Amino acid sequence: MHEEEIQAIAAKEEKGAKEIAQLQNQQKILLNRKRIEERRARAHRLIERGAILEAVFPSAVDMDSKEVEAFLIALSRLPGAMELAEKTLETGNEG
């Protein structure tokens, strides 16, 4: 009887270890899916915002990344830029 109890406990331990491994694999799968979705959302935002930039400032098409960055920094430093951005953000959130 004692040997059977030991085998039963060992079987339960093995089953528990398998369940833990399965749950860990499921967690990895879910985290990978989350990362993929976050990357897709970021890529979509970057494409969308780049398209808006080029639509508003067609000359941005010919700029490299550093030039676009310098251009946007210069725009952000114009008098009233922050207030306009905040107002636009508030107006956009109302609709």
PDB file of N, CA and C in Angstrom:
ATOM      1  N   MET A   1       0.817  -1.186   0.000  1.00  0.00           N
ATOM      2  CA  MET A   1       0.000   0.000   0.000  1.00  0.00           C
ATOM      3  C   MET A   1       0.868   1.260   0.000  1.00  0.00           C
ATOM      4  N   HIS A   2       1.944   1.227   0.735  1.00  0.00           N
ATOM      5  CA  HIS A   2       2.840   2.369   0.839  1.00  0.00           C
ATOM      6  C   HIS A   2       3.441   2.720  -0.524  1.00  0.00           C
ATOM      7  N   GLU A   3       3.847   1.725  -1.284  1.00  0.00           N
ATOM      8  CA  GLU A   3       4.422   1.934  -2.624  1.00  0.00           C
ATOM      9  C   GLU A   3       3.389   2.557  -3.556  1.00  0.00           C
ATOM     10  N   GLU A   4       2.142   2.142  -3.466  1.00  0.00           N
ATOM     11  CA  GLU A   4       1.072   2.684  -4.304  1.00  0.00           C
ATOM     12  C   GLU A   4       0.838   4.163  -3.986  1.00  0.00           C
ATOM     13  N   GLU A   5       0.913   4.517  -2.714  1.00  0.00           N
ATOM     14  CA  GLU A   5       0.736   5.921  -2.313  1.00  0.00           C
ATOM     15  C   GLU A   5       1.859   6.785  -2.869  1.00  0.00           C
ATOM     16  N   ILE A   6       3.063   6.269  -2.829  1.00  0.00           N
ATOM     17  CA  ILE A   6       4.220   6.999  -3.369  1.00  0.00           C
ATOM     18  C   ILE A   6       4.062   7.202  -4.867  1.00  0.00           C
ATOM     19  N   GLN A   7       3.617   6.168  -5.575  1.00  0.00           N
ATOM     20  CA  GLN A   7       3.403   6.267  -7.016  1.00  0.00           C
ATOM     21  C   GLN A   7       2.283   7.259  -7.335  1.00  0.00           C
ATOM     22  N   ALA A   8       1.236   7.260  -6.523  1.00  0.00           N
ATOM     23  CA  ALA A   8       0.125   8.189  -6.729  1.00  0.00           C
ATOM     24  C   ALA A   8       0.588   9.626  -6.537  1.00  0.00           C
ATOM     25  N   ILE A   9       1.395   9.848  -5.527  1.00  0.00           N
ATOM     26  CA  ILE A   9       1.928  11.189  -5.270  1.00  0.00           C
ATOM     27  C   ILE A   9       2.847  11.619  -6.416  1.00  0.00           C
ATOM     28  N   ALA A  10       3.672  10.704  -6.885  1.00  0.00           N
ATOM     29  CA  ALA A  10       4.585  11.002  -7.991  1.00  0.00           C
ATOM     30  C   ALA A  10       3.795  11.340  -9.257  1.00  0.00           C
ATOM     31  N   ALA A  11       2.716  10.606  -9.499  1.00  0.00           N
ATOM     32  CA  ALA A  11       1.878  10.867 -10.668  1.00  0.00           C
ATOM     33  C   ALA A  11       1.232  12.248 -10.564  1.00  0.00           C
ATOM     34  N   LYS A  12       0.767  12.613  -9.367  1.00  0.00           N
ATOM     35  CA  LYS A  12       0.167  13.932  -9.156  1.00  0.00           C
ATOM     36  C   LYS A  12       1.203  15.038  -9.370  1.00  0.00           C
ATOM     37  N   GLU A  13       2.412  14.799  -8.884  1.00  0.00           N
ATOM     38  CA  GLU A  13       3.479  15.781  -9.071  1.00  0.00           C
ATOM     39  C   GLU A  13       3.784  15.965 -10.554  1.00  0.00           C
ATOM     40  N   GLU A  14       3.851  14.860 -11.279  1.00  0.00           N
ATOM     41  CA  GLU A  14       4.128  14.918 -12.716  1.00  0.00           C
ATOM     42  C   GLU A  14       3.009  15.649 -13.450  1.00  0.00           C
ATOM     43  N   LYS A  15       1.770  15.340 -13.084  1.00  0.00           N
ATOM     44  CA  LYS A  15       0.627  16.003 -13.702  1.00  0.00           C
ATOM     45  C   LYS A  15       0.660  17.503 -13.395  1.00  0.00           C
ATOM     46  N   GLY A  16       0.985  17.849 -12.156  1.00  0.00           N
ATOM     47  CA  GLY A  16       1.084  19.256 -11.773  1.00  0.00           C
ATOM     48  C   GLY A  16       2.178  19.984 -12.546  1.00  0.00           C
ATOM     49  N   ALA A  17       3.310  19.327 -12.728  1.00  0.00           N
ATOM     50  CA  ALA A  17       4.419  19.919 -13.468  1.00  0.00           C
ATOM     51  C   ALA A  17       4.031  20.153 -14.929  1.00  0.00           C
ATOM     52  N   LYS A  18       3.296  19.205 -15.517  1.00  0.00           N
ATOM     53  CA  LYS A  18       2.838  19.366 -16.905  1.00  0.00           C
ATOM     54  C   LYS A  18       1.864  20.532 -17.020  1.00  0.00           C
ATOM     55  N   GLU A  19       0.962  20.641 -16.054  1.00  0.00           N
ATOM     56  CA  GLU A  19      -0.006  21.741 -16.078  1.00  0.00           C
ATOM     57  C   GLU A  19       0.703  23.087 -15.939  1.00  0.00           C
ATOM     58  N   ILE A  20       1.703  23.136 -15.076  1.00  0.00           N
ATOM     59  CA  ILE A  20       2.479  24.371 -14.914  1.00  0.00           C
ATOM     60  C   ILE A  20       3.176  24.734 -16.222  1.00  0.00           C
ATOM     61  N   ALA A  21       3.781  23.758 -16.870  1.00  0.00           N
ATOM     62  CA  ALA A  21       4.470  24.001 -18.141  1.00  0.00           C
ATOM     63  C   ALA A  21       3.491  24.488 -19.204  1.00  0.00           C
ATOM     64  N   GLN A  22       2.300  23.892 -19.248  1.00  0.00           N
ATOM     65  CA  GLN A  22       1.285  24.324 -20.212  1.00  0.00           C
ATOM     66  C   GLN A  22       0.851  25.765 -19.949  1.00  0.00           C
ATOM     67  N   LEU A  23       0.641  26.094 -18.694  1.00  0.00           N
ATOM     68  CA  LEU A  23       0.249  27.462 -18.346  1.00  0.00           C
ATOM     69  C   LEU A  23       1.354  28.457 -18.684  1.00  0.00           C
ATOM     70  N   GLN A  24       2.603  28.068 -18.452  1.00  0.00           N
ATOM     71  CA  GLN A  24       3.721  28.945 -18.801  1.00  0.00           C
ATOM     72  C   GLN A  24       3.796  29.155 -20.310  1.00  0.00           C
ATOM     73  N   ASN A  25       3.558  28.102 -21.080  1.00  0.00           N
ATOM     74  CA  ASN A  25       3.544  28.227 -22.544  1.00  0.00           C
ATOM     75  C   ASN A  25       2.399  29.121 -22.998  1.00  0.00           C
ATOM     76  N   GLN A  26       1.230  28.961 -22.392  1.00  0.00           N
ATOM     77  CA  GLN A  26       0.094  29.826 -22.733  1.00  0.00           C
ATOM     78  C   GLN A  26       0.407  31.280 -22.427  1.00  0.00           C
ATOM     79  N   GLN A  27       1.069  31.517 -21.301  1.00  0.00           N
ATOM     80  CA  GLN A  27       1.454  32.872 -20.935  1.00  0.00           C
ATOM     81  C   GLN A  27       2.409  33.460 -21.975  1.00  0.00           C
ATOM     82  N   LYS A  28       3.393  32.688 -22.412  1.00  0.00           N
ATOM     83  CA  LYS A  28       4.335  33.146 -23.430  1.00  0.00           C
ATOM     84  C   LYS A  28       3.615  33.481 -24.725  1.00  0.00           C
ATOM     85  N   ILE A  29       2.676  32.621 -25.116  1.00  0.00           N
ATOM     86  CA  ILE A  29       1.905  32.859 -26.345  1.00  0.00           C
ATOM     87  C   ILE A  29       1.124  34.156 -26.236  1.00  0.00           C
ATOM     88  N   LEU A  30       0.451  34.371 -25.104  1.00  0.00           N
ATOM     89  CA  LEU A  30      -0.332  35.590 -24.909  1.00  0.00           C
ATOM     90  C   LEU A  30       0.547  36.837 -24.895  1.00  0.00           C
ATOM     91  N   LEU A  31       1.701  36.750 -24.248  1.00  0.00           N
ATOM     92  CA  LEU A  31       2.612  37.893 -24.230  1.00  0.00           C
ATOM     93  C   LEU A  31       3.138  38.199 -25.633  1.00  0.00           C
ATOM     94  N   ASN A  32       3.437  37.163 -26.404  1.00  0.00           N
ATOM     95  CA  ASN A  32       3.879  37.375 -27.788  1.00  0.00           C
ATOM     96  C   ASN A  32       2.784  38.024 -28.620  1.00  0.00           C
ATOM     97  N   ARG A  33       1.552  37.565 -28.453  1.00  0.00           N
ATOM     98  CA  ARG A  33       0.437  38.169 -29.186  1.00  0.00           C
ATOM     99  C   ARG A  33       0.278  39.642 -28.805  1.00  0.00           C
ATOM    100  N   LYS A  34       0.411  39.934 -27.525  1.00  0.00           N
ATOM    101  CA  LYS A  34       0.296  41.315 -27.060  1.00  0.00           C
ATOM    102  C   LYS A  34       1.386  42.174 -27.689  1.00  0.00           C
ATOM    103  N   ARG A  35       2.624  41.687 -27.691  1.00  0.00           N
ATOM    104  CA  ARG A  35       3.729  42.437 -28.296  1.00  0.00           C
ATOM    105  C   ARG A  35       3.495  42.674 -29.785  1.00  0.00           C
ATOM    106  N   ILE A  36       3.013  41.656 -30.472  1.00  0.00           N
ATOM    107  CA  ILE A  36       2.734  41.791 -31.905  1.00  0.00           C
ATOM    108  C   ILE A  36       1.667  42.852 -32.142  1.00  0.00           C
ATOM    109  N   GLU A  37       0.598  42.822 -31.369  1.00  0.00           N
ATOM    110  CA  GLU A  37      -0.469  43.811 -31.521  1.00  0.00           C
ATOM    111  C   GLU A  37       0.030  45.220 -31.202  1.00  0.00           C
ATOM    112  N   GLU A  38       0.862  45.354 -30.176  1.00  0.00           N
ATOM    113  CA  GLU A  38       1.433  46.668 -29.843  1.00  0.00           C
ATOM    114  C   GLU A  38       2.309  47.179 -30.980  1.00  0.00           C
ATOM    115  N   ARG A  39       3.110  46.285 -31.588  1.00  0.00           N
ATOM    116  CA  ARG A  39       3.949  46.687 -32.721  1.00  0.00           C
ATOM    117  C   ARG A  39       3.103  47.101 -33.917  1.00  0.00           C
ATOM    118  N   ARG A  40       2.046  46.346 -34.179  1.00  0.00           N
ATOM    119  CA  ARG A  40       1.152  46.698 -35.299  1.00  0.00           C
ATOM    120  C   ARG A  40       0.498  48.052 -35.070  1.00  0.00           C
ATOM    121  N   ALA A  41       0.027  48.291 -33.842  1.00  0.00           N
ATOM    122  CA  ALA A  41      -0.622  49.562 -33.523  1.00  0.00           C
ATOM    123  C   ALA A  41       0.372  50.714 -33.673  1.00  0.00           C
ATOM    124  N   ARG A  42       1.606  50.505 -33.220  1.00  0.00           N
ATOM    125  CA  ARG A  42       2.631  51.546 -33.338  1.00  0.00           C
ATOM    126  C   ARG A  42       2.955  51.813 -34.803  1.00  0.00           C
ATOM    127  N   ALA A  43       3.107  50.757 -35.581  1.00  0.00           N
ATOM    128  CA  ALA A  43       3.396  50.916 -37.009  1.00  0.00           C
ATOM    129  C   ALA A  43       2.262  51.677 -37.695  1.00  0.00           C
ATOM    130  N   HIS A  44       1.038  51.345 -37.346  1.00  0.00           N
ATOM    131  CA  HIS A  44      -0.121  52.039 -37.927  1.00  0.00           C
ATOM    132  C   HIS A  44      -0.079  53.529 -37.576  1.00  0.00           C
ATOM    133  N   ARG A  45       0.199  53.840 -36.292  1.00  0.00           N
ATOM    134  CA  ARG A  45       0.279  55.240 -35.875  1.00  0.00           C
ATOM    135  C   ARG A  45       1.374  55.983 -36.632  1.00  0.00           C
ATOM    136  N   LEU A  46       2.540  55.344 -36.768  1.00  0.00           N
ATOM    137  CA  LEU A  46       3.652  55.994 -37.453  1.00  0.00           C
ATOM    138  C   LEU A  46       3.331  56.257 -38.925  1.00  0.00           C
ATOM    139  N   ILE A  47       2.726  55.285 -39.567  1.00  0.00           N
ATOM    140  CA  ILE A  47       2.354  55.458 -40.978  1.00  0.00           C
ATOM    141  C   ILE A  47       1.313  56.553 -41.111  1.00  0.00           C
ATOM    142  N   GLU A  48       0.302  56.509 -40.264  1.00  0.00           N
ATOM    143  CA  GLU A  48      -0.775  57.492 -40.319  1.00  0.00           C
ATOM    144  C   GLU A  48      -0.244  58.902 -40.069  1.00  0.00           C
ATOM    145  N   ARG A  49       0.580  59.050 -39.046  1.00  0.00           N
ATOM    146  CA  ARG A  49       1.103  60.373 -38.706  1.00  0.00           C
ATOM    147  C   ARG A  49       2.086  60.873 -39.756  1.00  0.00           C
ATOM    148  N   GLY A  50       2.849  59.976 -40.338  1.00  0.00           N
ATOM    149  CA  GLY A  50       3.742  60.372 -41.420  1.00  0.00           C
ATOM    150  C   GLY A  50       2.958  60.858 -42.626  1.00  0.00           C
ATOM    151  N   ALA A  51       1.855  60.191 -42.913  1.00  0.00           N
ATOM    152  CA  ALA A  51       1.008  60.597 -44.035  1.00  0.00           C
ATOM    153  C   ALA A  51       0.397  61.967 -43.777  1.00  0.00           C
ATOM    154  N   ILE A  52      -0.014  62.217 -42.545  1.00  0.00           N
ATOM    155  CA  ILE A  52      -0.577  63.521 -42.191  1.00  0.00           C
ATOM    156  C   ILE A  52       0.494  64.599 -42.341  1.00  0.00           C
ATOM    157  N   LEU A  53       1.686  64.327 -41.836  1.00  0.00           N
ATOM    158  CA  LEU A  53       2.780  65.285 -41.945  1.00  0.00           C
ATOM    159  C   LEU A  53       3.037  65.637 -43.403  1.00  0.00           C
ATOM    160  N   GLU A  54       3.110  64.633 -44.258  1.00  0.00           N
ATOM    161  CA  GLU A  54       3.377  64.872 -45.675  1.00  0.00           C
ATOM    162  C   GLU A  54       2.218  65.580 -46.368  1.00  0.00           C
ATOM    163  N   ALA A  55       0.987  65.324 -45.903  1.00  0.00           N
ATOM    164  CA  ALA A  55      -0.163  65.993 -46.501  1.00  0.00           C
ATOM    165  C   ALA A  55      -0.186  67.473 -46.130  1.00  0.00           C
ATOM    166  N   VAL A  56       0.168  67.782 -44.896  1.00  0.00           N
ATOM    167  CA  VAL A  56       0.153  69.174 -44.428  1.00  0.00           C
ATOM    168  C   VAL A  56       1.394  69.926 -44.915  1.00  0.00           C
ATOM    169  N   PHE A  57       2.524  69.239 -44.910  1.00  0.00           N
ATOM    170  CA  PHE A  57       3.786  69.847 -45.334  1.00  0.00           C
ATOM    171  C   PHE A  57       4.388  68.984 -46.446  1.00  0.00           C
ATOM    172  N   PRO A  58       3.960  69.183 -47.686  1.00  0.00           N
ATOM    173  CA  PRO A  58       4.450  68.352 -48.787  1.00  0.00           C
ATOM    174  C   PRO A  58       5.978  68.332 -48.913  1.00  0.00           C
ATOM    175  N   SER A  59       6.637  69.393 -48.487  1.00  0.00           N
ATOM    176  CA  SER A  59       8.103  69.405 -48.596  1.00  0.00           C
ATOM    177  C   SER A  59       8.749  68.393 -47.657  1.00  0.00           C
ATOM    178  N   ALA A  60       8.003  67.891 -46.687  1.00  0.00           N
ATOM    179  CA  ALA A  60       8.540  66.890 -45.763  1.00  0.00           C
ATOM    180  C   ALA A  60       8.892  65.589 -46.480  1.00  0.00           C
ATOM    181  N   VAL A  61       8.292  65.363 -47.641  1.00  0.00           N
ATOM    182  CA  VAL A  61       8.571  64.146 -48.414  1.00  0.00           C
ATOM    183  C   VAL A  61      10.059  64.050 -48.748  1.00  0.00           C
ATOM    184  N   ASP A  62      10.662  65.184 -49.040  1.00  0.00           N
ATOM    185  CA  ASP A  62      12.068  65.203 -49.456  1.00  0.00           C
ATOM    186  C   ASP A  62      13.039  65.301 -48.283  1.00  0.00           C
ATOM    187  N   MET A  63      12.524  65.411 -47.051  1.00  0.00           N
ATOM    188  CA  MET A  63      13.389  65.541 -45.876  1.00  0.00           C
ATOM    189  C   MET A  63      13.787  64.163 -45.352  1.00  0.00           C
ATOM    190  N   ASP A  64      14.996  64.098 -44.797  1.00  0.00           N
ATOM    191  CA  ASP A  64      15.365  62.869 -44.103  1.00  0.00           C
ATOM    192  C   ASP A  64      14.870  62.966 -42.656  1.00  0.00           C
ATOM    193  N   SER A  65      15.079  61.933 -41.870  1.00  0.00           N
ATOM    194  CA  SER A  65      14.547  61.874 -40.507  1.00  0.00           C
ATOM    195  C   SER A  65      15.040  63.010 -39.632  1.00  0.00           C
ATOM    196  N   LYS A  66      16.314  63.321 -39.722  1.00  0.00           N
ATOM    197  CA  LYS A  66      16.881  64.402 -38.907  1.00  0.00           C
ATOM    198  C   LYS A  66      16.271  65.749 -39.286  1.00  0.00           C
ATOM    199  N   GLU A  67      16.061  65.962 -40.568  1.00  0.00           N
ATOM    200  CA  GLU A  67      15.469  67.227 -41.019  1.00  0.00           C
ATOM    201  C   GLU A  67      14.021  67.349 -40.556  1.00  0.00           C
ATOM    202  N   VAL A  68      13.274  66.260 -40.627  1.00  0.00           N
ATOM    203  CA  VAL A  68      11.894  66.277 -40.150  1.00  0.00           C
ATOM    204  C   VAL A  68      11.869  66.565 -38.655  1.00  0.00           C
ATOM    205  N   GLU A  69      12.757  65.930 -37.916  1.00  0.00           N
ATOM    206  CA  GLU A  69      12.828  66.160 -36.474  1.00  0.00           C
ATOM    207  C   GLU A  69      13.131  67.624 -36.178  1.00  0.00           C
ATOM    208  N   ALA A  70      14.124  68.192 -36.861  1.00  0.00           N
ATOM    209  CA  ALA A  70      14.488  69.597 -36.647  1.00  0.00           C
ATOM    210  C   ALA A  70      13.327  70.518 -37.022  1.00  0.00           C
ATOM    211  N   PHE A  71      12.635  70.202 -38.105  1.00  0.00           N
ATOM    212  CA  PHE A  71      11.485  70.984 -38.548  1.00  0.00           C
ATOM    213  C   PHE A  71      10.379  70.978 -37.491  1.00  0.00           C
ATOM    214  N   LEU A  72      10.072  69.803 -36.961  1.00  0.00           N
ATOM    215  CA  LEU A  72       9.013  69.703 -35.950  1.00  0.00           C
ATOM    216  C   LEU A  72       9.407  70.389 -34.646  1.00  0.00           C
ATOM    217  N   ILE A  73      10.663  70.288 -34.286  1.00  0.00           N
ATOM    218  CA  ILE A  73      11.141  70.984 -33.085  1.00  0.00           C
ATOM    219  C   ILE A  73      11.003  72.491 -33.287  1.00  0.00           C
ATOM    220  N   ALA A  74      11.399  72.974 -34.456  1.00  0.00           N
ATOM    221  CA  ALA A  74      11.268  74.409 -34.745  1.00  0.00           C
ATOM    222  C   ALA A  74       9.804  74.838 -34.687  1.00  0.00           C
ATOM    223  N   LEU A  75       8.907  74.034 -35.248  1.00  0.00           N
ATOM    224  CA  LEU A  75       7.473  74.353 -35.193  1.00  0.00           C
ATOM    225  C   LEU A  75       6.970  74.396 -33.758  1.00  0.00           C
ATOM    226  N   SER A  76       7.438  73.465 -32.952  1.00  0.00           N
ATOM    227  CA  SER A  76       6.967  73.395 -31.570  1.00  0.00           C
ATOM    228  C   SER A  76       7.425  74.588 -30.749  1.00  0.00           C
ATOM    229  N   ARG A  77       8.463  75.275 -31.204  1.00  0.00           N
ATOM    230  CA  ARG A  77       9.001  76.427 -30.467  1.00  0.00           C
ATOM    231  C   ARG A  77       8.379  77.749 -30.898  1.00  0.00           C
ATOM    232  N   LEU A  78       7.533  77.734 -31.899  1.00  0.00           N
ATOM    233  CA  LEU A  78       6.866  78.969 -32.334  1.00  0.00           C
ATOM    234  C   LEU A  78       5.937  79.459 -31.228  1.00  0.00           C
ATOM    235  N   PRO A  79       5.805  80.777 -31.095  1.00  0.00           N
ATOM    236  CA  PRO A  79       4.904  81.311 -30.068  1.00  0.00           C
ATOM    237  C   PRO A  79       3.484  80.757 -30.237  1.00  0.00           C
ATOM    238  N   GLY A  80       2.925  80.281 -29.154  1.00  0.00           N
ATOM    239  CA  GLY A  80       1.554  79.779 -29.162  1.00  0.00           C
ATOM    240  C   GLY A  80       1.412  78.338 -29.602  1.00  0.00           C
ATOM    241  N   ALA A  81       2.504  77.666 -29.956  1.00  0.00           N
ATOM    242  CA  ALA A  81       2.422  76.288 -30.456  1.00  0.00           C
ATOM    243  C   ALA A  81       1.853  75.339 -29.408  1.00  0.00           C
ATOM    244  N   MET A  82       2.320  75.450 -28.183  1.00  0.00           N
ATOM    245  CA  MET A  82       1.841  74.555 -27.125  1.00  0.00           C
ATOM    246  C   MET A  82       0.358  74.792 -26.843  1.00  0.00           C
ATOM    247  N   GLU A  83      -0.035  76.053 -26.791  1.00  0.00           N
ATOM    248  CA  GLU A  83      -1.443  76.371 -26.532  1.00  0.00           C
ATOM    249  C   GLU A  83      -2.338  75.827 -27.648  1.00  0.00           C
ATOM    250  N   LEU A  84      -1.871  75.976 -28.897  1.00  0.00           N
ATOM    251  CA  LEU A  84      -2.638  75.461 -30.032  1.00  0.00           C
ATOM    252  C   LEU A  84      -2.743  73.946 -29.978  1.00  0.00           C
ATOM    253  N   ALA A  85      -1.651  73.282 -29.626  1.00  0.00           N
ATOM    254  CA  ALA A  85      -1.661  71.815 -29.529  1.00  0.00           C
ATOM    255  C   ALA A  85      -2.623  71.366 -28.435  1.00  0.00           C
ATOM    256  N   GLU A  86      -2.585  72.028 -27.299  1.00  0.00           N
ATOM    257  CA  GLU A  86      -3.486  71.670 -26.191  1.00  0.00           C
ATOM    258  C   GLU A  86      -4.942  71.908 -26.580  1.00  0.00           C
ATOM    259  N   LYS A  87      -5.211  73.043 -27.239  1.00  0.00           N
ATOM    260  CA  LYS A  87      -6.576  73.356 -27.679  1.00  0.00           C
ATOM    261  C   LYS A  87      -7.070  72.320 -28.690  1.00  0.00           C
ATOM    262  N   THR A  88      -6.203  71.955 -29.612  1.00  0.00           N
ATOM    263  CA  THR A  88      -6.553  70.952 -30.615  1.00  0.00           C
ATOM    264  C   THR A  88      -6.828  69.608 -29.961  1.00  0.00           C
ATOM    265  N   LEU A  89      -6.022  69.255 -28.982  1.00  0.00           N
ATOM    266  CA  LEU A  89      -6.208  68.002 -28.268  1.00  0.00           C
ATOM    267  C   LEU A  89      -7.539  68.002 -27.524  1.00  0.00           C
ATOM    268  N   GLU A  90      -7.856  69.099 -26.842  1.00  0.00           N
ATOM    269  CA  GLU A  90      -9.121  69.204 -26.128  1.00  0.00           C
ATOM    270  C   GLU A  90     -10.309  69.125 -27.074  1.00  0.00           C
ATOM    271  N   THR A  91     -10.221  69.813 -28.197  1.00  0.00           N
ATOM    272  CA  THR A  91     -11.304  69.794 -29.185  1.00  0.00           C
ATOM    273  C   THR A  91     -11.482  68.413 -29.778  1.00  0.00           C
ATOM    274  N   GLY A  92     -10.377  67.724 -30.025  1.00  0.00           N
ATOM    275  CA  GLY A  92     -10.435  66.374 -30.583  1.00  0.00           C
ATOM    276  C   GLY A  92     -11.042  65.376 -29.627  1.00  0.00           C
ATOM    277  N   ASN A  93     -10.868  65.567 -28.336  1.00  0.00           N
ATOM    278  CA  ASN A  93     -11.403  64.635 -27.338  1.00  0.00           C
ATOM    279  C   ASN A  93     -12.883  64.856 -27.073  1.00  0.00           C
ATOM    280  N   GLU A  94     -13.407  66.005 -27.467  1.00  0.00           N
ATOM    281  CA  GLU A  94     -14.827  66.284 -27.227  1.00  0.00           C
ATOM    282  C   GLU A  94     -15.720  65.552 -28.201  1.00  0.00           C
ATOM    283  N   GLY A  95     -15.262  65.359 -29.426  1.00  0.00           N
ATOM    284  CA  GLY A  95     -16.095  64.780 -30.477  1.00  0.00           C
ATOM    285  C   GLY A  95     -16.075  63.322 -30.439  1.00  0.00           C
TER     286      GLY A  95
END
